[in-house]
Every structure is written in structure tokens, then in C-alpha cells.
Amino acid sequence: MPQIVGRDPPSDWLVVDTGDQSVHLFLPELRGEYDLDGMWQRRLVQHAIQFLM
């Protein structure tokens, strides 16, 4: 059964934990502040560089 984390106290960021996956839900302005897309992109580039070396 999925669990929702971050509801109490009210939050602009919710995490839904399905057991084998986690889904992060943000308000648009908070999503931009944390830049998770950019973080993952940089991490993928780091892995690609390590793979090529």
C-alpha cells in the first residue's frame, strides 16, 4: 500500500512511497528551487564521463 510522507504539518513537497519507487510531488516554485532535474542530469553526465575513462 503506498504511503504519503510530508503531509503533517502541511508541506509544499510530498513523497509517495510505493515500496519499490518513490514519487516526489512539488509546487512549481519549489521544484525550481531544488532543481532535481538538473541534479539528475549532472549525475548522469558524471556517470558517462566515468564510463568513458
C-alpha atoms as a PDB file:
ATOM      1  CA  MET A   1       0.000   0.000   0.000  1.00  0.00           C
ATOM      2  CA  PRO A   2       1.507   3.394  -0.952  1.00  0.00           C
ATOM      3  CA  GLN A   3       2.443   5.723   1.887  1.00  0.00           C
ATOM      4  CA  ILE A   4       2.356   9.520   1.669  1.00  0.00           C
ATOM      5  CA  VAL A   5       5.130  11.291   3.582  1.00  0.00           C
ATOM      6  CA  GLY A   6       5.232  15.028   4.307  1.00  0.00           C
ATOM      7  CA  ARG A   7       1.571  15.904   4.863  1.00  0.00           C
ATOM      8  CA  ASP A   8       1.665  16.843   8.530  1.00  0.00           C
ATOM      9  CA  PRO A   9       2.409  19.679   9.003  1.00  0.00           C
ATOM     10  CA  PRO A  10       1.173  20.833   5.572  1.00  0.00           C
ATOM     11  CA  SER A  11       4.015  20.802   3.074  1.00  0.00           C
ATOM     12  CA  ASP A  12       4.761  22.059  -0.437  1.00  0.00           C
ATOM     13  CA  TRP A  13       6.613  18.771  -1.080  1.00  0.00           C
ATOM     14  CA  LEU A  14       5.032  15.321  -0.817  1.00  0.00           C
ATOM     15  CA  VAL A  15       6.708  11.949  -1.232  1.00  0.00           C
ATOM     16  CA  VAL A  16       4.636   8.914  -2.189  1.00  0.00           C
ATOM     17  CA  ASP A  17       6.472   5.718  -1.237  1.00  0.00           C
ATOM     18  CA  THR A  18       5.119   2.716  -3.150  1.00  0.00           C
ATOM     19  CA  GLY A  19       7.682   0.314  -1.714  1.00  0.00           C
ATOM     20  CA  ASP A  20       9.882  -0.090  -4.782  1.00  0.00           C
ATOM     21  CA  GLN A  21       9.588   3.501  -6.070  1.00  0.00           C
ATOM     22  CA  SER A  22       9.279   6.973  -4.582  1.00  0.00           C
ATOM     23  CA  VAL A  23       7.381   9.779  -6.298  1.00  0.00           C
ATOM     24  CA  HIS A  24       8.165  13.392  -5.351  1.00  0.00           C
ATOM     25  CA  LEU A  25       5.378  15.966  -5.812  1.00  0.00           C
ATOM     26  CA  PHE A  26       6.274  19.664  -5.617  1.00  0.00           C
ATOM     27  CA  LEU A  27       4.657  23.019  -6.140  1.00  0.00           C
ATOM     28  CA  PRO A  28       6.233  24.510  -9.309  1.00  0.00           C
ATOM     29  CA  GLU A  29       8.195  27.202  -7.437  1.00  0.00           C
ATOM     30  CA  LEU A  30       9.671  24.656  -5.023  1.00  0.00           C
ATOM     31  CA  ARG A  31      10.595  22.312  -7.862  1.00  0.00           C
ATOM     32  CA  GLY A  32      12.670  25.084  -9.427  1.00  0.00           C
ATOM     33  CA  GLU A  33      14.347  25.856  -6.101  1.00  0.00           C
ATOM     34  CA  TYR A  34      15.568  22.283  -5.579  1.00  0.00           C
ATOM     35  CA  ASP A  35      16.421  21.709  -9.285  1.00  0.00           C
ATOM     36  CA  LEU A  36      16.196  17.922  -9.001  1.00  0.00           C
ATOM     37  CA  ASP A  37      16.093  17.619 -12.796  1.00  0.00           C
ATOM     38  CA  GLY A  38      19.415  19.468 -13.031  1.00  0.00           C
ATOM     39  CA  MET A  39      20.894  17.370 -10.237  1.00  0.00           C
ATOM     40  CA  TRP A  40      20.000  14.121 -12.013  1.00  0.00           C
ATOM     41  CA  GLN A  41      21.283  15.465 -15.339  1.00  0.00           C
ATOM     42  CA  ARG A  42      24.648  16.370 -13.772  1.00  0.00           C
ATOM     43  CA  ARG A  43      24.829  12.934 -12.160  1.00  0.00           C
ATOM     44  CA  LEU A  44      24.162  11.209 -15.497  1.00  0.00           C
ATOM     45  CA  VAL A  45      26.960  13.248 -17.098  1.00  0.00           C
ATOM     46  CA  GLN A  46      29.332  12.252 -14.273  1.00  0.00           C
ATOM     47  CA  HIS A  47      28.484   8.574 -14.814  1.00  0.00           C
ATOM     48  CA  ALA A  48      29.036   8.899 -18.565  1.00  0.00           C
ATOM     49  CA  ILE A  49      32.458  10.505 -18.028  1.00  0.00           C
ATOM     50  CA  GLN A  50      33.474   7.775 -15.573  1.00  0.00           C
ATOM     51  CA  PHE A  51      32.312   5.109 -18.020  1.00  0.00           C
ATOM     52  CA  LEU A  52      34.398   6.613 -20.835  1.00  0.00           C
ATOM     53  CA  MET A  53      37.590   6.846 -18.763  1.00  0.00           C
END
